[in-house]
Amino acid sequence: AVQAALKRVSLRPKHRVGSPSHRGAVSLVNYTFEVGAEMVGPALGRTPSGCGCDDCRADTLAYALNRYPAKYGVTVDGRRSLHPTYVDFMRHELGMLIGQAVRVVSAHPHH
């Protein structure tokens, strides 16, 4: 399977061998972390017993992300390659997990 994947990739290389692979800054992005981090604050704010302190936010995010597979990507000069419909799907699934995490962390805060 690995050999077949390497053969397919070599048919459409991103750059010529020996030439610079990019013209701008390249970085690795954990899309799951980014989407989850932006959802935690509002989720904690919607519950009357939800504490919005940094400890509870971190615990809530860790609980949810440990139950969801990570999705990584590469950006070039800030351009992202994750399809918007996948981001919507990820928001939906993470939303359910973050809701569960809010209930668990609110019931058992570490402070």
N, C-alpha and C. Protein backbone atom coordinates (compact mmCIF):
# COMPACT_ATOMS: atom_id res chain seq x y z
N ALA A 1 0.83 -1.19 0.00
CA ALA A 1 0.00 0.00 0.00
C ALA A 1 0.88 1.26 0.00
N VAL A 2 1.98 1.21 0.75
CA VAL A 2 2.87 2.37 0.81
C VAL A 2 3.50 2.63 -0.55
N GLN A 3 3.93 1.58 -1.21
CA GLN A 3 4.54 1.73 -2.53
C GLN A 3 3.54 2.30 -3.53
N ALA A 4 2.30 1.87 -3.47
CA ALA A 4 1.27 2.38 -4.38
C ALA A 4 1.02 3.86 -4.11
N ALA A 5 1.00 4.26 -2.84
CA ALA A 5 0.80 5.67 -2.49
C ALA A 5 1.97 6.52 -2.97
N LEU A 6 3.19 6.02 -2.80
CA LEU A 6 4.37 6.76 -3.27
C LEU A 6 4.35 6.93 -4.78
N LYS A 7 3.90 5.91 -5.49
CA LYS A 7 3.82 6.00 -6.94
C LYS A 7 2.81 7.06 -7.36
N ARG A 8 1.64 7.09 -6.69
CA ARG A 8 0.61 8.09 -7.02
C ARG A 8 1.10 9.49 -6.74
N VAL A 9 1.79 9.68 -5.63
CA VAL A 9 2.30 11.01 -5.27
C VAL A 9 3.35 11.47 -6.27
N SER A 10 4.19 10.56 -6.73
CA SER A 10 5.25 10.94 -7.66
C SER A 10 4.70 11.36 -9.02
N LEU A 11 3.47 10.99 -9.34
CA LEU A 11 2.88 11.39 -10.61
C LEU A 11 2.54 12.88 -10.64
N ARG A 12 2.25 13.46 -9.49
CA ARG A 12 1.91 14.88 -9.41
C ARG A 12 2.70 15.54 -8.28
N PRO A 13 3.98 15.74 -8.45
CA PRO A 13 4.78 16.35 -7.38
C PRO A 13 4.39 17.82 -7.18
N LYS A 14 4.59 18.32 -5.96
CA LYS A 14 4.29 19.72 -5.65
C LYS A 14 5.37 20.66 -6.16
N HIS A 15 6.56 20.12 -6.44
CA HIS A 15 7.66 20.92 -6.97
C HIS A 15 8.65 19.98 -7.65
N ARG A 16 9.50 20.56 -8.46
CA ARG A 16 10.53 19.76 -9.12
C ARG A 16 11.59 19.35 -8.10
N VAL A 17 12.16 18.21 -8.31
CA VAL A 17 13.21 17.72 -7.43
C VAL A 17 14.39 18.68 -7.48
N GLY A 18 14.86 19.09 -6.31
CA GLY A 18 16.00 19.99 -6.22
C GLY A 18 15.63 21.46 -6.19
N SER A 19 14.39 21.80 -6.53
CA SER A 19 13.97 23.21 -6.48
C SER A 19 13.34 23.49 -5.13
N PRO A 20 13.25 24.75 -4.74
CA PRO A 20 12.61 25.07 -3.46
C PRO A 20 11.17 24.57 -3.46
N SER A 21 10.75 23.99 -2.36
CA SER A 21 9.42 23.40 -2.30
C SER A 21 8.33 24.43 -2.07
N HIS A 22 8.67 25.63 -1.68
CA HIS A 22 7.65 26.64 -1.41
C HIS A 22 8.23 28.02 -1.59
N ARG A 23 7.36 28.97 -1.69
CA ARG A 23 7.80 30.35 -1.81
C ARG A 23 7.53 31.13 -0.52
N GLY A 24 6.82 30.55 0.41
CA GLY A 24 6.48 31.25 1.63
C GLY A 24 6.64 30.37 2.85
N ALA A 25 6.15 30.88 3.95
CA ALA A 25 6.25 30.17 5.21
C ALA A 25 5.31 28.97 5.23
N VAL A 26 5.84 27.84 5.66
CA VAL A 26 5.06 26.61 5.77
C VAL A 26 4.93 26.28 7.24
N SER A 27 3.72 25.91 7.65
CA SER A 27 3.53 25.52 9.05
C SER A 27 2.55 24.37 9.15
N LEU A 28 2.66 23.64 10.24
CA LEU A 28 1.78 22.52 10.53
C LEU A 28 0.65 23.02 11.41
N VAL A 29 -0.58 22.61 11.12
CA VAL A 29 -1.74 23.08 11.87
C VAL A 29 -2.53 21.88 12.39
N ASN A 30 -2.90 21.93 13.66
CA ASN A 30 -3.80 20.94 14.25
C ASN A 30 -5.21 21.54 14.17
N TYR A 31 -5.95 21.18 13.13
CA TYR A 31 -7.27 21.75 12.91
C TYR A 31 -8.24 21.40 14.03
N THR A 32 -8.14 20.20 14.56
CA THR A 32 -9.03 19.77 15.63
C THR A 32 -8.86 20.66 16.86
N PHE A 33 -7.61 20.96 17.20
CA PHE A 33 -7.35 21.82 18.35
C PHE A 33 -7.90 23.22 18.11
N GLU A 34 -7.67 23.77 16.93
CA GLU A 34 -8.14 25.13 16.64
C GLU A 34 -9.66 25.23 16.71
N VAL A 35 -10.35 24.28 16.09
CA VAL A 35 -11.82 24.31 16.09
C VAL A 35 -12.34 24.11 17.51
N GLY A 36 -11.77 23.15 18.24
CA GLY A 36 -12.21 22.90 19.61
C GLY A 36 -11.96 24.07 20.53
N ALA A 37 -10.80 24.71 20.39
CA ALA A 37 -10.45 25.84 21.26
C ALA A 37 -11.41 27.01 21.08
N GLU A 38 -11.88 27.24 19.86
CA GLU A 38 -12.81 28.35 19.65
C GLU A 38 -14.22 28.02 20.12
N MET A 39 -14.52 26.73 20.33
CA MET A 39 -15.86 26.32 20.75
C MET A 39 -16.01 26.19 22.27
N VAL A 40 -14.92 26.04 22.99
CA VAL A 40 -15.00 25.76 24.43
C VAL A 40 -15.57 26.94 25.22
N GLY A 41 -15.09 28.13 24.97
CA GLY A 41 -15.55 29.30 25.72
C GLY A 41 -17.05 29.51 25.65
N PRO A 42 -17.62 29.57 24.44
CA PRO A 42 -19.07 29.72 24.34
C PRO A 42 -19.85 28.57 24.98
N ALA A 43 -19.32 27.35 24.89
CA ALA A 43 -20.01 26.19 25.48
C ALA A 43 -20.04 26.31 27.00
N LEU A 44 -18.94 26.74 27.61
CA LEU A 44 -18.91 26.92 29.06
C LEU A 44 -19.82 28.07 29.48
N GLY A 45 -19.90 29.09 28.66
CA GLY A 45 -20.73 30.25 28.98
C GLY A 45 -22.22 29.98 28.93
N ARG A 46 -22.64 28.94 28.20
CA ARG A 46 -24.07 28.63 28.08
C ARG A 46 -24.62 27.87 29.27
N THR A 47 -23.76 27.33 30.10
CA THR A 47 -24.25 26.54 31.24
C THR A 47 -24.12 27.36 32.52
N PRO A 48 -25.15 27.32 33.36
CA PRO A 48 -25.09 28.10 34.60
C PRO A 48 -24.01 27.63 35.57
N SER A 49 -23.69 26.33 35.54
CA SER A 49 -22.68 25.81 36.46
C SER A 49 -21.29 25.77 35.83
N GLY A 50 -21.17 26.18 34.56
CA GLY A 50 -19.89 26.13 33.88
C GLY A 50 -18.97 27.27 34.29
N CYS A 51 -17.80 26.93 34.76
CA CYS A 51 -16.80 27.92 35.14
C CYS A 51 -15.95 28.22 33.91
N GLY A 52 -15.66 29.48 33.68
CA GLY A 52 -14.88 29.86 32.51
C GLY A 52 -13.42 30.12 32.80
N CYS A 53 -12.92 29.63 33.94
CA CYS A 53 -11.51 29.86 34.26
C CYS A 53 -10.62 29.06 33.31
N ASP A 54 -9.35 29.41 33.28
CA ASP A 54 -8.41 28.75 32.37
C ASP A 54 -8.29 27.25 32.65
N ASP A 55 -8.33 26.86 33.93
CA ASP A 55 -8.24 25.43 34.28
C ASP A 55 -9.42 24.65 33.71
N CYS A 56 -10.62 25.17 33.89
CA CYS A 56 -11.82 24.47 33.40
C CYS A 56 -11.87 24.47 31.88
N ARG A 57 -11.44 25.55 31.25
CA ARG A 57 -11.39 25.59 29.79
C ARG A 57 -10.42 24.53 29.26
N ALA A 58 -9.24 24.45 29.88
CA ALA A 58 -8.23 23.47 29.45
C ALA A 58 -8.72 22.04 29.69
N ASP A 59 -9.32 21.79 30.85
CA ASP A 59 -9.83 20.45 31.15
C ASP A 59 -10.93 20.06 30.17
N THR A 60 -11.81 20.99 29.86
CA THR A 60 -12.90 20.71 28.93
C THR A 60 -12.36 20.39 27.54
N LEU A 61 -11.43 21.20 27.08
CA LEU A 61 -10.85 20.97 25.76
C LEU A 61 -10.09 19.65 25.71
N ALA A 62 -9.31 19.36 26.75
CA ALA A 62 -8.55 18.11 26.79
C ALA A 62 -9.49 16.90 26.79
N TYR A 63 -10.56 16.98 27.55
CA TYR A 63 -11.54 15.87 27.60
C TYR A 63 -12.10 15.60 26.21
N ALA A 64 -12.51 16.65 25.51
CA ALA A 64 -13.12 16.49 24.19
C ALA A 64 -12.10 16.02 23.15
N LEU A 65 -10.92 16.63 23.14
CA LEU A 65 -9.93 16.28 22.12
C LEU A 65 -9.37 14.87 22.30
N ASN A 66 -9.35 14.37 23.53
CA ASN A 66 -8.89 13.00 23.77
C ASN A 66 -9.87 11.97 23.24
N ARG A 67 -11.08 12.40 22.90
CA ARG A 67 -12.10 11.50 22.40
C ARG A 67 -12.39 11.72 20.91
N TYR A 68 -11.58 12.52 20.25
CA TYR A 68 -11.78 12.83 18.83
C TYR A 68 -10.44 12.72 18.10
N PRO A 69 -10.42 12.13 16.91
CA PRO A 69 -9.14 11.99 16.20
C PRO A 69 -8.61 13.33 15.72
N ALA A 70 -7.31 13.49 15.82
CA ALA A 70 -6.67 14.74 15.39
C ALA A 70 -6.66 14.81 13.86
N LYS A 71 -6.79 16.03 13.34
CA LYS A 71 -6.72 16.27 11.90
C LYS A 71 -5.68 17.36 11.69
N TYR A 72 -4.56 16.98 11.07
CA TYR A 72 -3.46 17.91 10.83
C TYR A 72 -3.45 18.33 9.37
N GLY A 73 -2.89 19.50 9.13
CA GLY A 73 -2.73 19.98 7.77
C GLY A 73 -1.51 20.88 7.67
N VAL A 74 -1.15 21.23 6.45
CA VAL A 74 -0.02 22.10 6.20
C VAL A 74 -0.54 23.37 5.56
N THR A 75 -0.08 24.51 6.05
CA THR A 75 -0.45 25.78 5.45
C THR A 75 0.78 26.40 4.80
N VAL A 76 0.55 27.10 3.71
CA VAL A 76 1.61 27.84 3.03
C VAL A 76 1.16 29.29 3.00
N ASP A 77 1.94 30.16 3.65
CA ASP A 77 1.60 31.58 3.77
C ASP A 77 0.19 31.79 4.32
N GLY A 78 -0.23 30.94 5.25
CA GLY A 78 -1.53 31.10 5.88
C GLY A 78 -2.70 30.50 5.12
N ARG A 79 -2.46 30.01 3.91
CA ARG A 79 -3.55 29.38 3.13
C ARG A 79 -3.78 27.98 3.67
N ARG A 80 -5.03 27.70 3.96
CA ARG A 80 -5.39 26.40 4.53
C ARG A 80 -6.03 25.52 3.48
N SER A 81 -5.85 24.22 3.65
CA SER A 81 -6.34 23.31 2.64
C SER A 81 -7.49 22.42 3.12
N LEU A 82 -8.00 22.65 4.31
CA LEU A 82 -9.08 21.81 4.83
C LEU A 82 -10.41 22.26 4.22
N HIS A 83 -11.16 21.33 3.70
CA HIS A 83 -12.42 21.64 3.02
C HIS A 83 -13.44 22.17 4.04
N PRO A 84 -14.17 23.24 3.69
CA PRO A 84 -15.14 23.84 4.63
C PRO A 84 -16.21 22.87 5.11
N THR A 85 -16.65 21.93 4.29
CA THR A 85 -17.66 20.99 4.76
C THR A 85 -17.10 20.07 5.83
N TYR A 86 -15.80 19.76 5.75
CA TYR A 86 -15.20 18.94 6.79
C TYR A 86 -15.11 19.72 8.10
N VAL A 87 -14.84 21.02 8.01
CA VAL A 87 -14.81 21.85 9.21
C VAL A 87 -16.19 21.87 9.86
N ASP A 88 -17.25 21.98 9.07
CA ASP A 88 -18.60 21.95 9.61
C ASP A 88 -18.90 20.62 10.29
N PHE A 89 -18.48 19.53 9.66
CA PHE A 89 -18.64 18.20 10.24
C PHE A 89 -17.89 18.09 11.56
N MET A 90 -16.65 18.61 11.57
CA MET A 90 -15.83 18.58 12.77
C MET A 90 -16.49 19.41 13.88
N ARG A 91 -17.03 20.58 13.54
CA ARG A 91 -17.71 21.42 14.54
C ARG A 91 -18.88 20.68 15.16
N HIS A 92 -19.64 19.99 14.33
CA HIS A 92 -20.80 19.25 14.82
C HIS A 92 -20.38 18.17 15.82
N GLU A 93 -19.41 17.35 15.42
CA GLU A 93 -18.98 16.26 16.30
C GLU A 93 -18.28 16.77 17.55
N LEU A 94 -17.41 17.75 17.39
CA LEU A 94 -16.73 18.32 18.57
C LEU A 94 -17.73 19.01 19.48
N GLY A 95 -18.76 19.61 18.91
CA GLY A 95 -19.78 20.26 19.73
C GLY A 95 -20.44 19.29 20.68
N MET A 96 -20.72 18.09 20.19
CA MET A 96 -21.33 17.08 21.06
C MET A 96 -20.34 16.66 22.16
N LEU A 97 -19.09 16.46 21.79
CA LEU A 97 -18.10 16.06 22.79
C LEU A 97 -17.81 17.17 23.79
N ILE A 98 -17.78 18.40 23.33
CA ILE A 98 -17.54 19.53 24.24
C ILE A 98 -18.72 19.68 25.20
N GLY A 99 -19.93 19.45 24.72
CA GLY A 99 -21.09 19.47 25.61
C GLY A 99 -20.97 18.44 26.71
N GLN A 100 -20.55 17.25 26.35
CA GLN A 100 -20.33 16.20 27.34
C GLN A 100 -19.20 16.60 28.28
N ALA A 101 -18.14 17.17 27.74
CA ALA A 101 -16.99 17.58 28.56
C ALA A 101 -17.39 18.67 29.54
N VAL A 102 -18.23 19.61 29.12
CA VAL A 102 -18.69 20.69 30.02
C VAL A 102 -19.43 20.08 31.20
N ARG A 103 -20.29 19.09 30.94
CA ARG A 103 -21.04 18.47 32.04
C ARG A 103 -20.10 17.77 33.01
N VAL A 104 -19.12 17.05 32.49
CA VAL A 104 -18.19 16.29 33.35
C VAL A 104 -17.31 17.25 34.15
N VAL A 105 -16.73 18.25 33.49
CA VAL A 105 -15.81 19.17 34.18
C VAL A 105 -16.58 20.04 35.17
N SER A 106 -17.79 20.45 34.82
CA SER A 106 -18.58 21.26 35.75
C SER A 106 -18.95 20.47 37.00
N ALA A 107 -19.18 19.18 36.84
CA ALA A 107 -19.52 18.34 37.98
C ALA A 107 -18.30 18.02 38.84
N HIS A 108 -17.11 18.02 38.25
CA HIS A 108 -15.89 17.68 38.97
C HIS A 108 -14.75 18.65 38.64
N PRO A 109 -14.89 19.92 39.02
CA PRO A 109 -13.81 20.87 38.72
C PRO A 109 -12.57 20.57 39.56
N HIS A 110 -11.41 20.96 39.04
CA HIS A 110 -10.15 20.72 39.75
C HIS A 110 -9.72 21.92 40.58
N HIS A 111 -10.64 22.76 40.94
CA HIS A 111 -10.28 23.91 41.80
C HIS A 111 -11.26 24.06 42.92
